[in-house]
C-alpha atoms as a PDB file:
ATOM      1  CA  UNK A   1     -88.804  47.205  99.686  1.00  0.00           C
ATOM      2  CA  UNK A   2     -85.081  47.057  98.248  1.00  0.00           C
ATOM      3  CA  UNK A   3     -81.710  48.150 100.345  1.00  0.00           C
ATOM      4  CA  UNK A   4     -80.387  50.884  99.277  1.00  0.00           C
ATOM      5  CA  UNK A   5     -77.158  52.926 100.216  1.00  0.00           C
ATOM      6  CA  UNK A   6     -79.316  54.692 102.923  1.00  0.00           C
ATOM      7  CA  UNK A   7     -81.634  52.014 103.935  1.00  0.00           C
ATOM      8  CA  UNK A   8     -80.861  51.528 107.672  1.00  0.00           C
ATOM      9  CA  UNK A   9     -80.498  48.102 108.361  1.00  0.00           C
ATOM     10  CA  UNK A  10     -81.135  45.894 111.507  1.00  0.00           C
ATOM     11  CA  UNK A  11     -81.733  41.720 112.420  1.00  0.00           C
ATOM     12  CA  UNK A  12     -85.436  41.674 112.819  1.00  0.00           C
ATOM     13  CA  UNK A  13     -85.540  37.648 113.526  1.00  0.00           C
ATOM     14  CA  UNK A  14     -84.492  35.612 116.485  1.00  0.00           C
ATOM     15  CA  UNK A  15     -81.680  32.695 115.075  1.00  0.00           C
ATOM     16  CA  UNK A  16     -80.084  30.521 116.875  1.00  0.00           C
ATOM     17  CA  UNK A  17     -76.656  31.139 116.153  1.00  0.00           C
ATOM     18  CA  UNK A  18     -73.380  29.791 117.067  1.00  0.00           C
ATOM     19  CA  UNK A  19     -69.534  30.327 115.829  1.00  0.00           C
ATOM     20  CA  UNK A  20     -67.787  27.242 115.128  1.00  0.00           C
ATOM     21  CA  UNK A  21     -64.331  27.612 113.539  1.00  0.00           C
ATOM     22  CA  UNK A  22     -64.589  31.126 112.288  1.00  0.00           C
ATOM     23  CA  UNK A  23     -67.623  30.194 110.977  1.00  0.00           C
ATOM     24  CA  UNK A  24     -71.293  31.699 112.395  1.00  0.00           C
ATOM     25  CA  UNK A  25     -74.306  29.343 111.621  1.00  0.00           C
ATOM     26  CA  UNK A  26     -77.672  29.888 111.844  1.00  0.00           C
ATOM     27  CA  UNK A  27     -80.540  27.918 112.821  1.00  0.00           C
ATOM     28  CA  UNK A  28     -84.206  29.514 111.324  1.00  0.00           C
ATOM     29  CA  UNK A  29     -86.520  27.394 114.171  1.00  0.00           C
ATOM     30  CA  UNK A  30     -89.678  29.011 112.266  1.00  0.00           C
ATOM     31  CA  UNK A  31     -88.355  27.519 108.790  1.00  0.00           C
ATOM     32  CA  UNK A  32     -86.568  24.508 109.804  1.00  0.00           C
ATOM     33  CA  UNK A  33     -83.284  26.112 107.440  1.00  0.00           C
ATOM     34  CA  UNK A  34     -79.612  26.972 108.538  1.00  0.00           C
ATOM     35  CA  UNK A  35     -77.333  29.077 107.507  1.00  0.00           C
ATOM     36  CA  UNK A  36     -73.744  29.530 107.756  1.00  0.00           C
ATOM     37  CA  UNK A  37     -71.679  32.695 107.376  1.00  0.00           C
ATOM     38  CA  UNK A  38     -67.992  33.335 106.988  1.00  0.00           C
ATOM     39  CA  UNK A  39     -65.288  35.772 106.823  1.00  0.00           C
ATOM     40  CA  UNK A  40     -67.005  39.404 106.527  1.00  0.00           C
ATOM     41  CA  UNK A  41     -69.964  38.190 106.891  1.00  0.00           C
ATOM     42  CA  UNK A  42     -69.434  37.234 110.522  1.00  0.00           C
ATOM     43  CA  UNK A  43     -68.182  41.119 110.657  1.00  0.00           C
ATOM     44  CA  UNK A  44     -71.681  42.434 108.656  1.00  0.00           C
ATOM     45  CA  UNK A  45     -73.443  39.973 110.974  1.00  0.00           C
ATOM     46  CA  UNK A  46     -72.198  41.513 114.383  1.00  0.00           C
ATOM     47  CA  UNK A  47     -72.761  45.470 112.578  1.00  0.00           C
ATOM     48  CA  UNK A  48     -76.470  44.736 112.219  1.00  0.00           C
ATOM     49  CA  UNK A  49     -77.465  43.273 115.801  1.00  0.00           C
ATOM     50  CA  UNK A  50     -78.327  47.159 116.081  1.00  0.00           C
ATOM     51  CA  UNK A  51     -79.702  49.828 113.423  1.00  0.00           C
ATOM     52  CA  UNK A  52     -77.697  50.894 111.123  1.00  0.00           C
ATOM     53  CA  UNK A  53     -77.013  53.456 107.463  1.00  0.00           C
ATOM     54  CA  UNK A  54     -76.406  51.062 105.075  1.00  0.00           C
ATOM     55  CA  UNK A  55     -73.780  53.885 103.918  1.00  0.00           C
ATOM     56  CA  UNK A  56     -72.180  53.660 107.671  1.00  0.00           C
ATOM     57  CA  UNK A  57     -71.498  50.194 107.759  1.00  0.00           C
ATOM     58  CA  UNK A  58     -69.826  50.097 103.935  1.00  0.00           C
ATOM     59  CA  UNK A  59     -67.896  53.202 105.756  1.00  0.00           C
ATOM     60  CA  UNK A  60     -66.384  50.855 108.385  1.00  0.00           C
ATOM     61  CA  UNK A  61     -66.329  48.363 107.034  1.00  0.00           C
ATOM     62  CA  UNK A  62     -63.656  49.905 103.884  1.00  0.00           C
ATOM     63  CA  UNK A  63     -61.262  51.104 106.634  1.00  0.00           C
ATOM     64  CA  UNK A  64     -60.669  47.484 108.254  1.00  0.00           C
ATOM     65  CA  UNK A  65     -60.693  45.474 104.556  1.00  0.00           C
ATOM     66  CA  UNK A  66     -58.410  46.742 101.462  1.00  0.00           C
ATOM     67  CA  UNK A  67     -61.050  46.628  98.975  1.00  0.00           C
ATOM     68  CA  UNK A  68     -62.452  49.142  96.847  1.00  0.00           C
ATOM     69  CA  UNK A  69     -65.687  51.049  97.526  1.00  0.00           C
ATOM     70  CA  UNK A  70     -68.141  49.893  94.521  1.00  0.00           C
ATOM     71  CA  UNK A  71     -67.259  46.168  95.168  1.00  0.00           C
ATOM     72  CA  UNK A  72     -67.354  46.642  99.158  1.00  0.00           C
ATOM     73  CA  UNK A  73     -71.247  48.239  98.330  1.00  0.00           C
ATOM     74  CA  UNK A  74     -72.076  45.808  95.742  1.00  0.00           C
ATOM     75  CA  UNK A  75     -71.276  42.412  98.242  1.00  0.00           C
ATOM     76  CA  UNK A  76     -72.690  44.317 101.495  1.00  0.00           C
ATOM     77  CA  UNK A  77     -76.150  44.773  98.999  1.00  0.00           C
ATOM     78  CA  UNK A  78     -75.879  41.441  98.057  1.00  0.00           C
ATOM     79  CA  UNK A  79     -75.598  39.703 101.566  1.00  0.00           C
ATOM     80  CA  UNK A  80     -78.361  41.957 103.130  1.00  0.00           C
ATOM     81  CA  UNK A  81     -80.550  41.352  99.901  1.00  0.00           C
ATOM     82  CA  UNK A  82     -80.581  37.808 100.533  1.00  0.00           C
ATOM     83  CA  UNK A  83     -80.918  38.159 104.521  1.00  0.00           C
ATOM     84  CA  UNK A  84     -83.851  40.353 103.554  1.00  0.00           C
ATOM     85  CA  UNK A  85     -85.013  37.271 101.341  1.00  0.00           C
ATOM     86  CA  UNK A  86     -84.943  34.792 103.835  1.00  0.00           C
ATOM     87  CA  UNK A  87     -86.776  37.427 106.115  1.00  0.00           C
ATOM     88  CA  UNK A  88     -83.440  38.409 108.633  1.00  0.00           C
ATOM     89  CA  UNK A  89     -83.784  41.798 108.328  1.00  0.00           C
ATOM     90  CA  UNK A  90     -86.203  45.057 108.922  1.00  0.00           C
ATOM     91  CA  UNK A  91     -85.378  47.587 106.518  1.00  0.00           C
ATOM     92  CA  UNK A  92     -86.171  51.091 106.965  1.00  0.00           C
END
C-alpha cells in the first residue's frame, strides 16, 4: 500500500533507539540492520510514535520549518516510504 496525503501512519516495529549528538540510531534486532536519522527525520520519527495522518504531520512540520508545502510533502513521503520499505510503519 502506497503512502498518500490522507494515509494514517505509525511506527509498528520495536527498534532499539538511542540518541547521540542529535542523531537517532535505531537497531532492528530482527534483521541486524541499523539506521541513523538526523535533522527533520528525528522530528518525524517522534511524531509517528502514535497514529497521525500524513497531511497533519506535514502541517505540523510546516509550522516549524521554512519550507514550501510541496517540498515538505515530497520529502516526508520519501522518508515514510523508506521506513515502510524497512517494515517500520503501519499504514492505514
